C-alpha atoms as a PDB file:
ATOM      1  CA  MET A   1      -4.357  14.463 -14.075  1.00  0.00           C
ATOM      2  CA  ASP A   2      -4.651  10.714 -14.378  1.00  0.00           C
ATOM      3  CA  GLY A   3      -1.900   8.422 -13.017  1.00  0.00           C
ATOM      4  CA  LYS A   4      -3.262   5.597 -15.174  1.00  0.00           C
ATOM      5  CA  LYS A   5      -1.971   7.107 -18.464  1.00  0.00           C
ATOM      6  CA  ARG A   6       1.748   6.884 -19.218  1.00  0.00           C
ATOM      7  CA  SER A   7       1.610  10.031 -21.377  1.00  0.00           C
ATOM      8  CA  ASN A   8       0.793  12.118 -18.250  1.00  0.00           C
ATOM      9  CA  ILE A   9       3.926  11.013 -16.390  1.00  0.00           C
ATOM     10  CA  LYS A  10       7.403  12.442 -16.932  1.00  0.00           C
ATOM     11  CA  PRO A  11      10.668  12.187 -14.960  1.00  0.00           C
ATOM     12  CA  GLY A  12      10.826  14.933 -12.314  1.00  0.00           C
ATOM     13  CA  LEU A  13       7.046  15.001 -11.827  1.00  0.00           C
ATOM     14  CA  HIS A  14       5.764  15.339  -8.208  1.00  0.00           C
ATOM     15  CA  VAL A  15       3.512  12.331  -7.489  1.00  0.00           C
ATOM     16  CA  MET A  16       1.917  10.182  -4.802  1.00  0.00           C
ATOM     17  CA  ILE A  17       2.492   6.431  -5.239  1.00  0.00           C
ATOM     18  CA  VAL A  18       1.249   3.312  -3.485  1.00  0.00           C
ATOM     19  CA  GLN A  19       3.990   0.751  -2.879  1.00  0.00           C
ATOM     20  CA  LYS A  20       3.296  -2.990  -3.191  1.00  0.00           C
ATOM     21  CA  GLU A  21       3.411  -3.553   0.582  1.00  0.00           C
ATOM     22  CA  ASP A  22       1.013  -0.617   1.162  1.00  0.00           C
ATOM     23  CA  GLN A  23      -1.693  -1.709  -1.305  1.00  0.00           C
ATOM     24  CA  ARG A  24      -3.889  -3.214   1.455  1.00  0.00           C
ATOM     25  CA  THR A  25      -3.676  -0.125   3.699  1.00  0.00           C
ATOM     26  CA  GLY A  26      -3.657   2.432   0.885  1.00  0.00           C
ATOM     27  CA  ASP A  27      -0.724   4.353   2.434  1.00  0.00           C
ATOM     28  CA  LEU A  28       0.710   6.766  -0.130  1.00  0.00           C
ATOM     29  CA  THR A  29       4.341   7.821  -0.585  1.00  0.00           C
ATOM     30  CA  GLU A  30       5.188  11.265  -1.954  1.00  0.00           C
ATOM     31  CA  GLY A  31       8.137  11.871  -4.241  1.00  0.00           C
ATOM     32  CA  TYR A  32       9.540  12.797  -7.629  1.00  0.00           C
ATOM     33  CA  VAL A  33       9.610  10.400 -10.609  1.00  0.00           C
ATOM     34  CA  GLN A  34      13.043   9.154 -11.636  1.00  0.00           C
ATOM     35  CA  ASP A  35      12.090   6.310 -14.026  1.00  0.00           C
ATOM     36  CA  ILE A  36       8.869   5.053 -15.614  1.00  0.00           C
ATOM     37  CA  LEU A  37       8.740   1.255 -15.297  1.00  0.00           C
ATOM     38  CA  THR A  38       5.435   0.462 -17.056  1.00  0.00           C
ATOM     39  CA  ASN A  39       5.845  -0.033 -20.815  1.00  0.00           C
ATOM     40  CA  SER A  40       2.164   0.000 -21.798  1.00  0.00           C
ATOM     41  CA  SER A  41       0.368   3.304 -22.472  1.00  0.00           C
ATOM     42  CA  THR A  42      -2.190   2.733 -19.682  1.00  0.00           C
ATOM     43  CA  HIS A  43      -2.581   0.549 -16.579  1.00  0.00           C
ATOM     44  CA  PRO A  44      -5.793   0.127 -14.536  1.00  0.00           C
ATOM     45  CA  HIS A  45      -3.949   0.364 -11.170  1.00  0.00           C
ATOM     46  CA  GLY A  46      -1.625   3.209 -12.133  1.00  0.00           C
ATOM     47  CA  ILE A  47       1.655   3.514 -13.992  1.00  0.00           C
ATOM     48  CA  LYS A  48       4.579   1.938 -12.111  1.00  0.00           C
ATOM     49  CA  VAL A  49       7.450   4.340 -11.432  1.00  0.00           C
ATOM     50  CA  ARG A  50      10.696   4.554  -9.448  1.00  0.00           C
ATOM     51  CA  LEU A  51      11.055   7.660  -7.300  1.00  0.00           C
ATOM     52  CA  GLU A  52      14.331   9.580  -6.872  1.00  0.00           C
ATOM     53  CA  THR A  53      14.551   7.939  -3.402  1.00  0.00           C
ATOM     54  CA  GLY A  54      14.543   4.468  -5.037  1.00  0.00           C
ATOM     55  CA  GLU A  55      11.024   3.533  -3.914  1.00  0.00           C
ATOM     56  CA  VAL A  56       8.848   1.762  -6.510  1.00  0.00           C
ATOM     57  CA  GLY A  57       5.077   1.960  -6.767  1.00  0.00           C
ATOM     58  CA  ARG A  58       2.070   2.852  -8.870  1.00  0.00           C
ATOM     59  CA  VAL A  59       1.043   6.474  -9.390  1.00  0.00           C
ATOM     60  CA  GLN A  60      -2.207   7.296  -7.571  1.00  0.00           C
ATOM     61  CA  GLU A  61      -2.068  11.100  -7.782  1.00  0.00           C
ATOM     62  CA  ILE A  62      -0.160  13.672  -9.769  1.00  0.00           C
ATOM     63  CA  LEU A  63       0.512  16.705  -7.568  1.00  0.00           C
ATOM     64  CA  GLU A  64       0.671  20.260  -8.855  1.00  0.00           C
ATOM     65  CA  SER A  65       4.273  21.444  -8.927  1.00  0.00           C
END
């Protein structure tokens, strides 16, 4: 599934995000979506979310749960 479309992302979903400070290195953080922060229906760099751990980043991958 595509992390660039808001309709694909729901709270509780298992995802991989890239945090702002990791954009250069491409390091991904794994977690579960708590809040969706992007208001638009799509975003070219991925929908911004807050994980249950409090980390914020853009969805790069949606993992199968």
